């Protein structure tokens, strides 16, 4: 008796296992990419688990969809030759489509990374220009009054007395505002050029202080923009904020002498 006759006698068709496997393998891979928000798994491996797991992650993301396509083609062939004993054509076709989609996302990751870097670079340029503009306003104010603005009113005074624009006070990476920067309370016009003058801090207005309020949040924790007292602006990456010059050495020595007494 032939296989076709067996099926015609009421034998229920079975789901082809390869068809189901061809769908599940790339579907799991695609779900992983979606859950990670498109973040490349190989970078996670480098940062957290080492190169061995990185290689496994890369090979898994590349070859799992490939196996999905191979299994789908084999499943379609078996279903066609089974004379109705196997079903699962839709699962196999869906597996092929998901595999191709997964590869498309993986191919787009470097492009997305490049776009993200360009966006961050643009934000840094605007942030640096903001600090430069605020530094110019500070120079104007210091030239008129012989000192920097009162720390607890510096934003207001720069807008009222030095022509500062409200847009200068906010970094493009700061979604809250109204001001992304803080004034070093110890800075004076005659302070050393390497002393911090303005720096990025938590959102607020008329913020002032020292390294305890410095923030790298606006640039994805990669660093922050700093304006020094000699008017140059620099993006500081790995440098410890406590290593910046926040106070004149003479003033610091006097403070330490006074505290010891």
C-alpha atoms as a PDB file:
ATOM      1  CA  UNK A   1       0.000   0.000   0.000  1.00  0.00           C
ATOM      2  CA  UNK A   2       1.379   3.402  -0.984  1.00  0.00           C
ATOM      3  CA  UNK A   3       1.887   6.484   1.292  1.00  0.00           C
ATOM      4  CA  UNK A   4      -0.847   8.262  -0.644  1.00  0.00           C
ATOM      5  CA  UNK A   5      -3.278   5.424   0.098  1.00  0.00           C
ATOM      6  CA  UNK A   6      -2.411   5.564   3.819  1.00  0.00           C
ATOM      7  CA  UNK A   7      -3.209   9.307   3.876  1.00  0.00           C
ATOM      8  CA  UNK A   8      -6.444   8.777   1.979  1.00  0.00           C
ATOM      9  CA  UNK A   9      -7.613   6.315   4.685  1.00  0.00           C
ATOM     10  CA  UNK A  10      -7.887   9.176   7.199  1.00  0.00           C
ATOM     11  CA  UNK A  11      -4.344   9.444   8.553  1.00  0.00           C
ATOM     12  CA  UNK A  12      -3.847  12.956  10.000  1.00  0.00           C
ATOM     13  CA  UNK A  13      -1.032  14.978   8.381  1.00  0.00           C
ATOM     14  CA  UNK A  14       1.814  15.823  10.729  1.00  0.00           C
ATOM     15  CA  UNK A  15       3.674  19.091  11.190  1.00  0.00           C
ATOM     16  CA  UNK A  16       7.101  18.836   9.666  1.00  0.00           C
ATOM     17  CA  UNK A  17       9.694  19.314  12.409  1.00  0.00           C
ATOM     18  CA  UNK A  18      12.178  20.994  10.103  1.00  0.00           C
ATOM     19  CA  UNK A  19       9.542  23.554   9.128  1.00  0.00           C
ATOM     20  CA  UNK A  20       8.890  24.395  12.775  1.00  0.00           C
ATOM     21  CA  UNK A  21      12.620  24.488  13.532  1.00  0.00           C
ATOM     22  CA  UNK A  22      13.273  26.758  10.550  1.00  0.00           C
ATOM     23  CA  UNK A  23      10.805  29.251  12.006  1.00  0.00           C
ATOM     24  CA  UNK A  24      11.789  29.108  15.673  1.00  0.00           C
ATOM     25  CA  UNK A  25      15.568  29.469  15.237  1.00  0.00           C
ATOM     26  CA  UNK A  26      15.588  32.818  13.376  1.00  0.00           C
ATOM     27  CA  UNK A  27      12.531  34.006  15.339  1.00  0.00           C
ATOM     28  CA  UNK A  28      14.432  33.675  18.611  1.00  0.00           C
ATOM     29  CA  UNK A  29      17.403  35.507  17.080  1.00  0.00           C
ATOM     30  CA  UNK A  30      15.143  38.311  15.843  1.00  0.00           C
ATOM     31  CA  UNK A  31      13.435  38.588  19.239  1.00  0.00           C
ATOM     32  CA  UNK A  32      16.862  38.908  20.875  1.00  0.00           C
ATOM     33  CA  UNK A  33      17.791  41.770  18.567  1.00  0.00           C
ATOM     34  CA  UNK A  34      14.471  43.532  19.217  1.00  0.00           C
ATOM     35  CA  UNK A  35      14.812  43.152  22.992  1.00  0.00           C
ATOM     36  CA  UNK A  36      18.293  44.650  22.798  1.00  0.00           C
ATOM     37  CA  UNK A  37      16.976  47.580  20.804  1.00  0.00           C
ATOM     38  CA  UNK A  38      19.251  46.757  17.879  1.00  0.00           C
ATOM     39  CA  UNK A  39      22.342  47.023  20.086  1.00  0.00           C
ATOM     40  CA  UNK A  40      25.038  44.735  18.662  1.00  0.00           C
ATOM     41  CA  UNK A  41      25.503  41.676  20.818  1.00  0.00           C
ATOM     42  CA  UNK A  42      29.150  41.373  19.876  1.00  0.00           C
ATOM     43  CA  UNK A  43      29.892  44.686  21.608  1.00  0.00           C
ATOM     44  CA  UNK A  44      28.164  43.434  24.745  1.00  0.00           C
ATOM     45  CA  UNK A  45      30.384  40.390  24.645  1.00  0.00           C
ATOM     46  CA  UNK A  46      33.526  42.490  24.382  1.00  0.00           C
ATOM     47  CA  UNK A  47      32.521  44.739  27.269  1.00  0.00           C
ATOM     48  CA  UNK A  48      31.215  42.136  29.668  1.00  0.00           C
ATOM     49  CA  UNK A  49      32.184  38.589  28.850  1.00  0.00           C
ATOM     50  CA  UNK A  50      35.361  38.582  26.792  1.00  0.00           C
ATOM     51  CA  UNK A  51      36.299  37.694  23.256  1.00  0.00           C
ATOM     52  CA  UNK A  52      35.299  34.004  23.429  1.00  0.00           C
ATOM     53  CA  UNK A  53      31.642  34.732  24.075  1.00  0.00           C
ATOM     54  CA  UNK A  54      31.819  37.581  21.588  1.00  0.00           C
ATOM     55  CA  UNK A  55      32.809  35.131  18.851  1.00  0.00           C
ATOM     56  CA  UNK A  56      30.002  32.767  19.850  1.00  0.00           C
ATOM     57  CA  UNK A  57      27.473  35.617  19.743  1.00  0.00           C
ATOM     58  CA  UNK A  58      28.614  36.763  16.312  1.00  0.00           C
ATOM     59  CA  UNK A  59      28.558  33.263  14.850  1.00  0.00           C
ATOM     60  CA  UNK A  60      25.156  32.605  16.389  1.00  0.00           C
ATOM     61  CA  UNK A  61      23.619  35.756  14.946  1.00  0.00           C
ATOM     62  CA  UNK A  62      25.044  35.051  11.489  1.00  0.00           C
ATOM     63  CA  UNK A  63      24.617  31.300  11.161  1.00  0.00           C
ATOM     64  CA  UNK A  64      21.297  30.750  12.963  1.00  0.00           C
ATOM     65  CA  UNK A  65      19.327  32.482  10.165  1.00  0.00           C
ATOM     66  CA  UNK A  66      21.425  30.524   7.650  1.00  0.00           C
ATOM     67  CA  UNK A  67      20.444  27.241   9.286  1.00  0.00           C
ATOM     68  CA  UNK A  68      16.854  28.501   9.311  1.00  0.00           C
ATOM     69  CA  UNK A  69      16.895  28.924   5.544  1.00  0.00           C
ATOM     70  CA  UNK A  70      18.525  25.520   4.998  1.00  0.00           C
ATOM     71  CA  UNK A  71      15.979  23.809   7.243  1.00  0.00           C
ATOM     72  CA  UNK A  72      13.129  25.653   5.532  1.00  0.00           C
ATOM     73  CA  UNK A  73      14.244  24.522   2.053  1.00  0.00           C
ATOM     74  CA  UNK A  74      14.555  20.917   3.245  1.00  0.00           C
ATOM     75  CA  UNK A  75      11.154  21.131   4.930  1.00  0.00           C
ATOM     76  CA  UNK A  76       9.485  22.443   1.781  1.00  0.00           C
ATOM     77  CA  UNK A  77      11.019  19.600  -0.214  1.00  0.00           C
ATOM     78  CA  UNK A  78       9.883  16.975   2.296  1.00  0.00           C
ATOM     79  CA  UNK A  79       6.375  18.433   2.448  1.00  0.00           C
ATOM     80  CA  UNK A  80       6.119  18.395  -1.334  1.00  0.00           C
ATOM     81  CA  UNK A  81       7.300  14.781  -1.554  1.00  0.00           C
ATOM     82  CA  UNK A  82       5.207  13.491   1.357  1.00  0.00           C
ATOM     83  CA  UNK A  83       1.961  13.257  -0.621  1.00  0.00           C
ATOM     84  CA  UNK A  84       0.044  15.077   2.101  1.00  0.00           C
ATOM     85  CA  UNK A  85       1.569  13.358   5.125  1.00  0.00           C
ATOM     86  CA  UNK A  86       3.399  16.531   6.264  1.00  0.00           C
ATOM     87  CA  UNK A  87       2.205  20.110   6.652  1.00  0.00           C
ATOM     88  CA  UNK A  88       4.060  23.264   7.647  1.00  0.00           C
ATOM     89  CA  UNK A  89       4.671  25.064   4.382  1.00  0.00           C
ATOM     90  CA  UNK A  90       3.639  28.371   5.997  1.00  0.00           C
ATOM     91  CA  UNK A  91       6.061  27.868   8.898  1.00  0.00           C
ATOM     92  CA  UNK A  92       8.919  27.202   6.487  1.00  0.00           C
ATOM     93  CA  UNK A  93       8.182  30.262   4.346  1.00  0.00           C
ATOM     94  CA  UNK A  94       7.878  32.419   7.472  1.00  0.00           C
ATOM     95  CA  UNK A  95      11.249  31.055   8.638  1.00  0.00           C
ATOM     96  CA  UNK A  96      12.900  32.131   5.383  1.00  0.00           C
ATOM     97  CA  UNK A  97      11.421  35.636   5.637  1.00  0.00           C
ATOM     98  CA  UNK A  98      12.454  36.062   9.280  1.00  0.00           C
ATOM     99  CA  UNK A  99      15.969  34.862   8.489  1.00  0.00           C
ATOM    100  CA  UNK A 100      16.304  37.451   5.720  1.00  0.00           C
ATOM    101  CA  UNK A 101      14.890  40.142   8.009  1.00  0.00           C
ATOM    102  CA  UNK A 102      17.397  39.239  10.747  1.00  0.00           C
ATOM    103  CA  UNK A 103      20.276  39.511   8.308  1.00  0.00           C
ATOM    104  CA  UNK A 104      18.946  42.874   7.172  1.00  0.00           C
ATOM    105  CA  UNK A 105      18.948  44.172  10.741  1.00  0.00           C
ATOM    106  CA  UNK A 106      22.462  42.851  11.359  1.00  0.00           C
ATOM    107  CA  UNK A 107      23.689  44.505   8.171  1.00  0.00           C
ATOM    108  CA  UNK A 108      22.123  47.778   9.331  1.00  0.00           C
ATOM    109  CA  UNK A 109      23.802  47.780  12.758  1.00  0.00           C
ATOM    110  CA  UNK A 110      27.086  49.349  11.504  1.00  0.00           C
ATOM    111  CA  UNK A 111      25.059  51.972   9.645  1.00  0.00           C
ATOM    112  CA  UNK A 112      23.042  52.761  12.774  1.00  0.00           C
ATOM    113  CA  UNK A 113      26.236  52.970  14.792  1.00  0.00           C
ATOM    114  CA  UNK A 114      27.718  55.403  12.291  1.00  0.00           C
ATOM    115  CA  UNK A 115      24.585  57.555  12.378  1.00  0.00           C
ATOM    116  CA  UNK A 116      24.608  57.487  16.187  1.00  0.00           C
ATOM    117  CA  UNK A 117      28.258  58.588  16.266  1.00  0.00           C
ATOM    118  CA  UNK A 118      27.492  61.438  13.878  1.00  0.00           C
ATOM    119  CA  UNK A 119      24.585  62.541  16.057  1.00  0.00           C
ATOM    120  CA  UNK A 120      26.748  62.470  19.182  1.00  0.00           C
ATOM    121  CA  UNK A 121      29.507  64.375  17.389  1.00  0.00           C
ATOM    122  CA  UNK A 122      27.004  67.017  16.338  1.00  0.00           C
ATOM    123  CA  UNK A 123      25.682  67.338  19.878  1.00  0.00           C
ATOM    124  CA  UNK A 124      29.189  67.801  21.208  1.00  0.00           C
ATOM    125  CA  UNK A 125      29.872  70.568  18.709  1.00  0.00           C
ATOM    126  CA  UNK A 126      26.691  72.414  19.675  1.00  0.00           C
ATOM    127  CA  UNK A 127      27.388  71.882  23.383  1.00  0.00           C
ATOM    128  CA  UNK A 128      30.921  73.175  22.992  1.00  0.00           C
ATOM    129  CA  UNK A 129      29.657  76.199  21.068  1.00  0.00           C
ATOM    130  CA  UNK A 130      27.168  76.881  23.864  1.00  0.00           C
ATOM    131  CA  UNK A 131      29.967  76.940  26.431  1.00  0.00           C
ATOM    132  CA  UNK A 132      32.057  79.172  24.189  1.00  0.00           C
ATOM    133  CA  UNK A 133      29.155  81.613  23.880  1.00  0.00           C
ATOM    134  CA  UNK A 134      28.570  81.576  27.626  1.00  0.00           C
ATOM    135  CA  UNK A 135      32.297  82.128  28.162  1.00  0.00           C
ATOM    136  CA  UNK A 136      32.118  85.185  25.905  1.00  0.00           C
ATOM    137  CA  UNK A 137      29.209  86.477  27.972  1.00  0.00           C
ATOM    138  CA  UNK A 138      31.221  85.880  31.146  1.00  0.00           C
ATOM    139  CA  UNK A 139      34.092  87.898  29.695  1.00  0.00           C
ATOM    140  CA  UNK A 140      31.728  90.744  28.855  1.00  0.00           C
ATOM    141  CA  UNK A 141      30.310  90.686  32.369  1.00  0.00           C
ATOM    142  CA  UNK A 142      33.768  90.505  33.967  1.00  0.00           C
ATOM    143  CA  UNK A 143      34.938  93.391  31.789  1.00  0.00           C
ATOM    144  CA  UNK A 144      32.031  95.546  32.967  1.00  0.00           C
ATOM    145  CA  UNK A 145      31.969  94.584  36.654  1.00  0.00           C
ATOM    146  CA  UNK A 146      35.490  93.316  37.356  1.00  0.00           C
ATOM    147  CA  UNK A 147      34.281  89.912  38.509  1.00  0.00           C
ATOM    148  CA  UNK A 148      32.183  86.948  37.451  1.00  0.00           C
ATOM    149  CA  UNK A 149      28.451  86.896  38.220  1.00  0.00           C
ATOM    150  CA  UNK A 150      27.220  85.893  41.664  1.00  0.00           C
ATOM    151  CA  UNK A 151      27.151  82.058  41.555  1.00  0.00           C
ATOM    152  CA  UNK A 152      23.524  81.706  42.644  1.00  0.00           C
ATOM    153  CA  UNK A 153      22.367  84.192  39.967  1.00  0.00           C
ATOM    154  CA  UNK A 154      24.853  83.678  37.145  1.00  0.00           C
ATOM    155  CA  UNK A 155      22.341  82.527  34.515  1.00  0.00           C
ATOM    156  CA  UNK A 156      19.989  85.426  35.179  1.00  0.00           C
ATOM    157  CA  UNK A 157      22.803  87.992  35.277  1.00  0.00           C
ATOM    158  CA  UNK A 158      24.330  86.812  31.996  1.00  0.00           C
ATOM    159  CA  UNK A 159      20.957  87.161  30.275  1.00  0.00           C
ATOM    160  CA  UNK A 160      20.224  90.550  31.856  1.00  0.00           C
ATOM    161  CA  UNK A 161      23.683  92.144  31.771  1.00  0.00           C
ATOM    162  CA  UNK A 162      25.735  90.346  29.086  1.00  0.00           C
ATOM    163  CA  UNK A 163      23.247  89.568  26.318  1.00  0.00           C
ATOM    164  CA  UNK A 164      23.284  85.768  26.745  1.00  0.00           C
ATOM    165  CA  UNK A 165      20.736  83.822  24.697  1.00  0.00           C
ATOM    166  CA  UNK A 166      18.513  81.315  26.485  1.00  0.00           C
ATOM    167  CA  UNK A 167      19.400  78.646  23.901  1.00  0.00           C
ATOM    168  CA  UNK A 168      23.044  78.748  24.990  1.00  0.00           C
ATOM    169  CA  UNK A 169      22.220  77.282  28.384  1.00  0.00           C
ATOM    170  CA  UNK A 170      21.024  73.894  27.157  1.00  0.00           C
ATOM    171  CA  UNK A 171      23.017  70.995  25.698  1.00  0.00           C
ATOM    172  CA  UNK A 172      21.222  69.165  22.848  1.00  0.00           C
ATOM    173  CA  UNK A 173      21.595  65.935  24.820  1.00  0.00           C
ATOM    174  CA  UNK A 174      19.716  67.396  27.798  1.00  0.00           C
ATOM    175  CA  UNK A 175      16.003  66.631  27.477  1.00  0.00           C
ATOM    176  CA  UNK A 176      14.973  68.388  30.689  1.00  0.00           C
ATOM    177  CA  UNK A 177      16.746  71.740  30.871  1.00  0.00           C
ATOM    178  CA  UNK A 178      16.458  74.645  31.337  1.00  0.00           C
ATOM    179  CA  UNK A 179      20.233  74.810  31.915  1.00  0.00           C
ATOM    180  CA  UNK A 180      22.769  72.020  31.434  1.00  0.00           C
ATOM    181  CA  UNK A 181      25.749  73.830  32.911  1.00  0.00           C
ATOM    182  CA  UNK A 182      27.066  74.957  36.275  1.00  0.00           C
ATOM    183  CA  UNK A 183      29.510  77.647  37.358  1.00  0.00           C
ATOM    184  CA  UNK A 184      32.596  76.841  39.406  1.00  0.00           C
ATOM    185  CA  UNK A 185      32.013  78.856  42.588  1.00  0.00           C
ATOM    186  CA  UNK A 186      35.776  79.316  43.099  1.00  0.00           C
ATOM    187  CA  UNK A 187      36.588  80.747  39.673  1.00  0.00           C
ATOM    188  CA  UNK A 188      37.619  84.388  39.350  1.00  0.00           C
ATOM    189  CA  UNK A 189      38.783  86.383  36.302  1.00  0.00           C
ATOM    190  CA  UNK A 190      42.374  86.280  37.603  1.00  0.00           C
ATOM    191  CA  UNK A 191      42.291  82.561  38.457  1.00  0.00           C
ATOM    192  CA  UNK A 192      44.697  80.194  36.641  1.00  0.00           C
ATOM    193  CA  UNK A 193      43.815  79.421  33.053  1.00  0.00           C
ATOM    194  CA  UNK A 194      43.537  75.691  33.705  1.00  0.00           C
ATOM    195  CA  UNK A 195      40.852  76.172  36.348  1.00  0.00           C
ATOM    196  CA  UNK A 196      37.349  74.936  35.511  1.00  0.00           C
ATOM    197  CA  UNK A 197      34.936  77.795  34.825  1.00  0.00           C
ATOM    198  CA  UNK A 198      31.784  76.159  33.423  1.00  0.00           C
ATOM    199  CA  UNK A 199      30.958  72.470  33.229  1.00  0.00           C
ATOM    200  CA  UNK A 200      28.051  70.159  32.514  1.00  0.00           C
ATOM    201  CA  UNK A 201      25.848  69.323  35.481  1.00  0.00           C
ATOM    202  CA  UNK A 202      22.368  68.067  36.245  1.00  0.00           C
ATOM    203  CA  UNK A 203      19.519  70.115  34.738  1.00  0.00           C
ATOM    204  CA  UNK A 204      18.597  73.238  36.676  1.00  0.00           C
ATOM    205  CA  UNK A 205      19.095  76.998  36.679  1.00  0.00           C
ATOM    206  CA  UNK A 206      21.817  79.066  38.334  1.00  0.00           C
ATOM    207  CA  UNK A 207      23.603  75.860  39.306  1.00  0.00           C
ATOM    208  CA  UNK A 208      27.038  76.263  40.847  1.00  0.00           C
ATOM    209  CA  UNK A 209      29.458  74.012  42.686  1.00  0.00           C
ATOM    210  CA  UNK A 210      32.302  71.620  41.959  1.00  0.00           C
ATOM    211  CA  UNK A 211      33.037  68.039  40.911  1.00  0.00           C
ATOM    212  CA  UNK A 212      30.227  66.669  43.088  1.00  0.00           C
ATOM    213  CA  UNK A 213      27.577  67.910  40.608  1.00  0.00           C
ATOM    214  CA  UNK A 214      29.452  67.292  37.340  1.00  0.00           C
ATOM    215  CA  UNK A 215      27.462  65.050  34.992  1.00  0.00           C
ATOM    216  CA  UNK A 216      28.275  63.029  31.857  1.00  0.00           C
ATOM    217  CA  UNK A 217      24.644  62.077  31.210  1.00  0.00           C
ATOM    218  CA  UNK A 218      24.184  64.385  28.215  1.00  0.00           C
ATOM    219  CA  UNK A 219      26.770  62.456  26.173  1.00  0.00           C
ATOM    220  CA  UNK A 220      25.807  58.879  27.074  1.00  0.00           C
ATOM    221  CA  UNK A 221      28.294  58.830  29.954  1.00  0.00           C
ATOM    222  CA  UNK A 222      31.233  59.085  27.539  1.00  0.00           C
ATOM    223  CA  UNK A 223      32.381  62.414  28.939  1.00  0.00           C
ATOM    224  CA  UNK A 224      31.388  66.044  29.341  1.00  0.00           C
ATOM    225  CA  UNK A 225      32.187  69.487  27.981  1.00  0.00           C
ATOM    226  CA  UNK A 226      34.241  71.813  30.165  1.00  0.00           C
ATOM    227  CA  UNK A 227      35.060  75.504  29.738  1.00  0.00           C
ATOM    228  CA  UNK A 228      38.327  76.479  31.390  1.00  0.00           C
ATOM    229  CA  UNK A 229      39.292  79.891  32.686  1.00  0.00           C
ATOM    230  CA  UNK A 230      41.559  80.557  29.717  1.00  0.00           C
ATOM    231  CA  UNK A 231      38.405  80.295  27.537  1.00  0.00           C
ATOM    232  CA  UNK A 232      39.199  77.022  25.800  1.00  0.00           C
ATOM    233  CA  UNK A 233      36.505  74.324  25.650  1.00  0.00           C
ATOM    234  CA  UNK A 234      37.354  70.631  25.795  1.00  0.00           C
ATOM    235  CA  UNK A 235      35.424  67.376  25.814  1.00  0.00           C
ATOM    236  CA  UNK A 236      36.796  65.412  28.743  1.00  0.00           C
ATOM    237  CA  UNK A 237      36.363  61.646  28.488  1.00  0.00           C
ATOM    238  CA  UNK A 238      37.989  59.350  31.030  1.00  0.00           C
ATOM    239  CA  UNK A 239      39.595  62.017  33.171  1.00  0.00           C
ATOM    240  CA  UNK A 240      38.546  61.978  36.833  1.00  0.00           C
ATOM    241  CA  UNK A 241      36.701  65.245  37.627  1.00  0.00           C
ATOM    242  CA  UNK A 242      38.539  65.457  40.942  1.00  0.00           C
ATOM    243  CA  UNK A 243      41.777  65.845  38.986  1.00  0.00           C
ATOM    244  CA  UNK A 244      40.571  69.116  37.454  1.00  0.00           C
ATOM    245  CA  UNK A 245      41.662  72.380  39.018  1.00  0.00           C
ATOM    246  CA  UNK A 246      38.577  73.559  40.893  1.00  0.00           C
ATOM    247  CA  UNK A 247      40.284  75.946  43.311  1.00  0.00           C
ATOM    248  CA  UNK A 248      43.369  78.117  43.288  1.00  0.00           C
ATOM    249  CA  UNK A 249      46.269  76.317  44.966  1.00  0.00           C
ATOM    250  CA  UNK A 250      46.818  79.251  47.355  1.00  0.00           C
ATOM    251  CA  UNK A 251      43.158  79.332  48.360  1.00  0.00           C
ATOM    252  CA  UNK A 252      43.159  75.568  48.788  1.00  0.00           C
ATOM    253  CA  UNK A 253      46.197  75.732  51.074  1.00  0.00           C
ATOM    254  CA  UNK A 254      44.534  78.436  53.170  1.00  0.00           C
ATOM    255  CA  UNK A 255      41.340  76.383  53.444  1.00  0.00           C
ATOM    256  CA  UNK A 256      43.291  73.306  54.502  1.00  0.00           C
ATOM    257  CA  UNK A 257      45.259  75.354  57.053  1.00  0.00           C
ATOM    258  CA  UNK A 258      42.049  76.811  58.432  1.00  0.00           C
ATOM    259  CA  UNK A 259      40.341  73.428  58.696  1.00  0.00           C
ATOM    260  CA  UNK A 260      43.359  71.947  60.526  1.00  0.00           C
ATOM    261  CA  UNK A 261      43.235  74.751  63.070  1.00  0.00           C
END
